[in-house]
């Protein structure tokens, strides 16, 4: 015998339950995943393209998405935090994630550049997003949390975000298409590591000097190695457009035994002022 609706308990009436992983419930997680995928694809498939879209994606992901997905793990219920609290906590957690990932990349001896950092942030977003979905499913939550505040607070916060975005664009936009010359001194394994601490007298310890020219014009430079207060070697470098020039320059290890600092100077053509200066400290031993 069926029970009339008016006699049913209050918590059993109403609309049928919604599956906690239905798209309308987890749309926030999937939008976050799409943003992360878009930025990752732009970095790895179009590495030489810089535009406003990539800048916007980078700001959104770096300053909000990792923290927001982390709040889904810590506070999965919509009632745990209101819109302004979740937004503020998302910003704080995102700011915490970035230096932690930079430290991890440094400990792992990986280069701290855009591809590695974006890949690390993407991995964090993926792990936090999946963990948030598991928490949401296990808790039976049937509605997404408030992603943003409402009312006057939303208006004030939106105005602040727009103002910061315009200010950031005004500062960054002039440099988006600027291509900078790269000058590096590499160790024996062609990495920014493995530099010697000691060099024996008479030893010709090889270091690799590298110049990367990303521009569309050929460049001419002078590379000068200075040790013991005087130039010990000078080379001319003619670097074709969008090419890399490399050569080996051994560290000076003449008598007497001493602590030494070798400086590598890069001069533009017909200039006496160095464009870049790199130095290495080591000890000359018997």
Protein backbone atom coordinates (compact mmCIF):
# COMPACT_ATOMS: atom_id res chain seq x y z
CA UNK A 1 0.00 0.00 0.00
CA UNK A 2 1.43 3.38 -1.00
CA UNK A 3 1.68 6.24 1.47
CA UNK A 4 0.01 9.50 0.48
CA UNK A 5 2.48 12.34 -0.20
CA UNK A 6 1.06 14.49 2.58
CA UNK A 7 1.89 11.75 5.11
CA UNK A 8 5.48 11.22 3.93
CA UNK A 9 8.34 12.60 6.05
CA UNK A 10 9.57 16.03 4.98
CA UNK A 11 13.06 14.83 4.00
CA UNK A 12 11.65 12.29 1.52
CA UNK A 13 9.45 14.74 -0.40
CA UNK A 14 10.45 17.06 -3.22
CA UNK A 15 12.38 16.50 -6.43
CA UNK A 16 14.25 13.25 -7.04
CA UNK A 17 17.86 13.16 -6.02
CA UNK A 18 20.55 14.22 -8.47
CA UNK A 19 23.67 12.15 -9.05
CA UNK A 20 26.60 14.00 -7.40
CA UNK A 21 28.76 13.61 -10.53
CA UNK A 22 26.18 14.92 -12.99
CA UNK A 23 27.59 17.60 -15.31
CA UNK A 24 25.36 20.32 -13.83
CA UNK A 25 26.89 19.60 -10.42
CA UNK A 26 30.56 19.33 -11.42
CA UNK A 27 30.67 21.94 -14.19
CA UNK A 28 33.10 24.02 -12.12
CA UNK A 29 35.68 21.22 -12.11
CA UNK A 30 35.38 20.59 -15.85
CA UNK A 31 35.70 24.29 -16.66
CA UNK A 32 38.87 24.35 -14.54
CA UNK A 33 40.23 21.33 -16.42
CA UNK A 34 39.48 22.97 -19.78
CA UNK A 35 41.31 26.16 -18.76
CA UNK A 36 44.34 24.17 -17.63
CA UNK A 37 44.33 22.10 -20.83
CA UNK A 38 44.09 25.24 -22.98
CA UNK A 39 47.09 26.86 -21.28
CA UNK A 40 49.16 23.65 -21.38
CA UNK A 41 48.40 23.13 -25.07
CA UNK A 42 49.31 26.74 -25.92
CA UNK A 43 52.65 26.44 -24.08
CA UNK A 44 53.72 23.13 -25.62
CA UNK A 45 52.24 23.39 -29.13
CA UNK A 46 52.70 27.13 -29.70
CA UNK A 47 55.78 27.97 -27.58
CA UNK A 48 56.70 31.11 -29.51
CA UNK A 49 53.27 32.71 -29.43
CA UNK A 50 52.55 35.33 -26.76
CA UNK A 51 49.18 37.06 -26.63
CA UNK A 52 46.46 38.38 -24.38
CA UNK A 53 44.63 35.03 -24.31
CA UNK A 54 47.65 33.21 -22.91
CA UNK A 55 48.23 36.01 -20.40
CA UNK A 56 44.62 35.80 -19.23
CA UNK A 57 44.76 32.02 -18.92
CA UNK A 58 48.03 32.23 -17.01
CA UNK A 59 46.64 34.76 -14.52
CA UNK A 60 43.41 32.79 -14.02
CA UNK A 61 45.18 29.49 -13.50
CA UNK A 62 48.11 30.81 -11.50
CA UNK A 63 46.01 32.96 -9.15
CA UNK A 64 42.75 31.05 -8.80
CA UNK A 65 42.27 27.57 -10.27
CA UNK A 66 44.72 25.50 -8.11
CA UNK A 67 43.42 27.12 -4.95
CA UNK A 68 39.76 26.71 -5.94
CA UNK A 69 40.19 23.00 -6.69
CA UNK A 70 42.00 22.64 -3.36
CA UNK A 71 39.01 24.16 -1.54
CA UNK A 72 36.83 21.41 -3.06
CA UNK A 73 39.01 18.87 -1.28
CA UNK A 74 39.12 20.76 2.03
CA UNK A 75 35.52 22.07 2.02
CA UNK A 76 33.43 20.09 -0.49
CA UNK A 77 30.04 21.13 0.90
CA UNK A 78 28.45 24.29 -0.54
CA UNK A 79 27.46 25.23 3.01
CA UNK A 80 31.05 25.16 4.31
CA UNK A 81 32.06 28.46 2.71
CA UNK A 82 30.10 31.25 1.11
CA UNK A 83 31.14 32.87 -2.17
CA UNK A 84 33.50 35.53 -0.81
CA UNK A 85 35.16 33.09 1.60
CA UNK A 86 35.77 30.49 -1.12
CA UNK A 87 37.07 33.13 -3.52
CA UNK A 88 39.47 34.55 -0.94
CA UNK A 89 40.70 31.13 0.14
CA UNK A 90 41.18 30.12 -3.51
CA UNK A 91 43.42 33.13 -4.09
CA UNK A 92 45.45 32.43 -0.95
CA UNK A 93 45.93 28.73 -1.69
CA UNK A 94 46.93 29.46 -5.29
CA UNK A 95 49.57 31.92 -4.10
CA UNK A 96 50.86 29.22 -1.74
CA UNK A 97 50.95 26.54 -4.45
CA UNK A 98 53.18 28.45 -6.90
CA UNK A 99 56.31 28.88 -4.67
CA UNK A 100 55.91 25.31 -3.41
CA UNK A 101 55.96 24.01 -6.98
CA UNK A 102 58.95 26.23 -7.80
CA UNK A 103 60.79 24.76 -4.80
CA UNK A 104 59.91 21.23 -5.93
CA UNK A 105 61.24 21.91 -9.43
CA UNK A 106 64.45 23.28 -7.94
CA UNK A 107 64.90 20.23 -5.69
CA UNK A 108 64.23 17.98 -8.69
CA UNK A 109 66.92 19.91 -10.62
CA UNK A 110 64.46 20.88 -13.35
CA UNK A 111 64.67 24.19 -15.13
CA UNK A 112 62.29 26.78 -13.68
CA UNK A 113 60.67 27.88 -16.94
CA UNK A 114 57.14 28.23 -18.27
CA UNK A 115 56.71 24.64 -19.62
CA UNK A 116 57.88 22.96 -16.41
CA UNK A 117 55.90 25.29 -14.14
CA UNK A 118 52.71 24.96 -16.21
CA UNK A 119 53.10 21.18 -16.24
CA UNK A 120 53.51 21.13 -12.44
CA UNK A 121 50.47 23.39 -11.94
CA UNK A 122 48.44 21.23 -14.34
CA UNK A 123 49.35 18.10 -12.37
CA UNK A 124 48.28 19.76 -9.10
CA UNK A 125 45.00 20.90 -10.66
CA UNK A 126 44.33 17.40 -11.98
CA UNK A 127 45.02 15.76 -8.61
CA UNK A 128 43.00 18.33 -6.65
CA UNK A 129 40.12 18.19 -9.14
CA UNK A 130 39.87 14.39 -9.07
CA UNK A 131 40.14 14.39 -5.28
CA UNK A 132 37.41 17.04 -5.09
CA UNK A 133 35.13 14.95 -7.31
CA UNK A 134 35.71 11.91 -5.11
CA UNK A 135 34.90 13.93 -1.97
CA UNK A 136 31.79 15.36 -3.62
CA UNK A 137 30.61 11.92 -4.73
CA UNK A 138 31.30 10.32 -1.36
CA UNK A 139 29.42 13.10 0.45
CA UNK A 140 26.42 12.88 -1.88
CA UNK A 141 26.58 16.62 -2.60
CA UNK A 142 23.99 17.56 -5.23
CA UNK A 143 24.90 21.17 -5.99
CA UNK A 144 28.17 22.98 -6.75
CA UNK A 145 29.59 25.41 -4.19
CA UNK A 146 29.23 29.18 -4.65
CA UNK A 147 32.15 30.09 -6.89
CA UNK A 148 31.84 33.84 -6.59
CA UNK A 149 30.17 36.35 -4.25
CA UNK A 150 26.95 38.16 -5.09
CA UNK A 151 25.49 41.62 -4.69
CA UNK A 152 27.64 44.66 -3.98
CA UNK A 153 30.59 42.51 -2.94
CA UNK A 154 30.63 40.92 -6.41
CA UNK A 155 30.53 44.39 -7.99
CA UNK A 156 33.43 45.64 -5.86
CA UNK A 157 35.46 42.49 -6.42
CA UNK A 158 34.78 42.55 -10.16
CA UNK A 159 35.88 46.18 -10.38
CA UNK A 160 39.08 45.33 -8.51
CA UNK A 161 39.83 42.41 -10.83
CA UNK A 162 39.19 44.51 -13.94
CA UNK A 163 41.41 47.29 -12.60
CA UNK A 164 44.24 44.88 -11.79
CA UNK A 165 43.84 43.25 -15.21
CA UNK A 166 44.09 46.57 -17.04
CA UNK A 167 47.12 47.57 -14.96
CA UNK A 168 48.82 44.23 -15.60
CA UNK A 169 48.12 44.45 -19.32
CA UNK A 170 49.53 47.99 -19.47
CA UNK A 171 52.75 46.79 -17.84
CA UNK A 172 53.15 43.46 -19.63
CA UNK A 173 51.79 44.19 -23.11
CA UNK A 174 54.80 46.23 -24.35
CA UNK A 175 57.09 43.27 -23.59
CA UNK A 176 54.97 40.46 -25.01
CA UNK A 177 56.72 40.53 -28.37
CA UNK A 178 60.14 41.39 -27.01
CA UNK A 179 62.69 38.66 -27.69
CA UNK A 180 65.69 38.70 -25.42
CA UNK A 181 69.16 37.45 -26.24
CA UNK A 182 70.24 34.49 -24.08
CA UNK A 183 73.83 34.23 -22.84
CA UNK A 184 74.85 31.24 -20.72
CA UNK A 185 77.90 29.36 -19.47
CA UNK A 186 77.21 25.63 -19.26
CA UNK A 187 79.03 22.78 -17.51
CA UNK A 188 80.51 19.76 -19.17
CA UNK A 189 77.10 18.14 -19.65
CA UNK A 190 75.69 21.29 -21.28
CA UNK A 191 73.60 22.18 -18.25
CA UNK A 192 73.44 25.12 -15.89
CA UNK A 193 75.18 22.97 -13.28
CA UNK A 194 78.33 20.92 -12.81
CA UNK A 195 80.69 23.87 -12.49
CA UNK A 196 84.10 23.08 -10.96
CA UNK A 197 85.01 24.02 -7.41
CA UNK A 198 88.69 23.26 -7.92
CA UNK A 199 90.92 23.25 -11.00
CA UNK A 200 94.49 21.95 -10.94
CA UNK A 201 97.33 24.17 -12.14
CA UNK A 202 97.79 23.66 -15.89
CA UNK A 203 94.43 21.91 -16.34
CA UNK A 204 92.22 23.12 -19.20
CA UNK A 205 88.79 22.70 -17.70
CA UNK A 206 86.26 23.18 -20.53
CA UNK A 207 83.13 25.28 -20.15
CA UNK A 208 80.60 25.83 -22.92
CA UNK A 209 79.63 29.39 -23.78
CA UNK A 210 76.26 29.65 -25.51
CA UNK A 211 74.47 32.55 -27.23
CA UNK A 212 70.87 32.17 -28.39
CA UNK A 213 69.61 34.73 -30.88
CA UNK A 214 65.75 34.60 -31.02
CA UNK A 215 65.42 37.66 -33.25
CA UNK A 216 64.99 37.71 -37.00
CA UNK A 217 68.31 39.51 -37.55
CA UNK A 218 71.89 38.29 -37.53
CA UNK A 219 73.90 39.43 -34.52
CA UNK A 220 77.62 40.00 -34.02
CA UNK A 221 79.13 39.94 -30.54
CA UNK A 222 82.41 39.71 -28.69
CA UNK A 223 82.89 37.23 -25.84
CA UNK A 224 85.68 38.04 -23.41
CA UNK A 225 86.98 35.88 -20.57
CA UNK A 226 88.57 37.88 -17.74
CA UNK A 227 90.55 36.24 -14.92
CA UNK A 228 93.11 37.54 -12.43
CA UNK A 229 92.12 41.06 -13.40
CA UNK A 230 93.00 40.78 -17.10
CA UNK A 231 91.44 39.39 -20.29
CA UNK A 232 92.70 35.88 -21.02
CA UNK A 233 90.65 35.03 -24.13
CA UNK A 234 88.53 36.94 -26.63
CA UNK A 235 86.28 35.45 -29.32
CA UNK A 236 84.07 36.89 -32.02
CA UNK A 237 80.58 35.40 -32.31
CA UNK A 238 78.40 35.79 -35.38
CA UNK A 239 74.97 34.34 -34.58
CA UNK A 240 72.46 33.81 -37.37
CA UNK A 241 68.82 34.75 -36.86
CA UNK A 242 66.97 32.31 -34.59
CA UNK A 243 70.10 30.21 -34.14
CA UNK A 244 72.41 29.23 -31.28
CA UNK A 245 76.17 29.77 -31.18
CA UNK A 246 78.36 27.60 -28.94
CA UNK A 247 82.04 27.36 -28.20
CA UNK A 248 84.37 25.94 -25.54
CA UNK A 249 86.33 28.31 -23.32
CA UNK A 250 88.65 26.63 -20.78
CA UNK A 251 89.00 28.14 -17.32
CA UNK A 252 92.38 29.78 -16.61
CA UNK A 253 94.48 27.68 -14.21
CA UNK A 254 97.92 29.27 -14.26
CA UNK A 255 100.21 29.66 -11.24
CA UNK A 256 100.07 30.47 -8.39
CA UNK A 257 97.43 28.49 -6.48
CA UNK A 258 94.65 30.87 -5.45
CA UNK A 259 90.94 31.54 -5.26
CA UNK A 260 89.84 32.83 -8.65
CA UNK A 261 86.79 34.45 -10.21
CA UNK A 262 86.38 34.11 -13.96
CA UNK A 263 84.08 36.61 -15.65
CA UNK A 264 82.48 36.03 -19.04
CA UNK A 265 81.54 39.30 -20.75
CA UNK A 266 79.28 39.64 -23.79
CA UNK A 267 79.72 42.83 -25.83
CA UNK A 268 77.52 43.92 -28.73
CA UNK A 269 79.32 44.73 -31.95
CA UNK A 270 81.25 48.04 -31.74
CA UNK A 271 80.45 48.59 -28.07
CA UNK A 272 82.72 48.81 -25.03
CA UNK A 273 79.88 48.32 -22.53
CA UNK A 274 79.06 44.66 -21.76
CA UNK A 275 75.53 43.53 -22.53
CA UNK A 276 75.74 40.50 -20.19
CA UNK A 277 78.18 39.48 -17.46
CA UNK A 278 78.48 35.99 -15.96
CA UNK A 279 81.01 34.82 -13.40
CA UNK A 280 82.26 31.58 -11.86
CA UNK A 281 84.23 31.25 -8.63
CA UNK A 282 86.66 28.35 -8.18
CA UNK A 283 90.00 27.52 -6.57
CA UNK A 284 93.24 26.83 -8.45
CA UNK A 285 95.06 24.05 -6.59
CA UNK A 286 98.56 22.47 -7.04
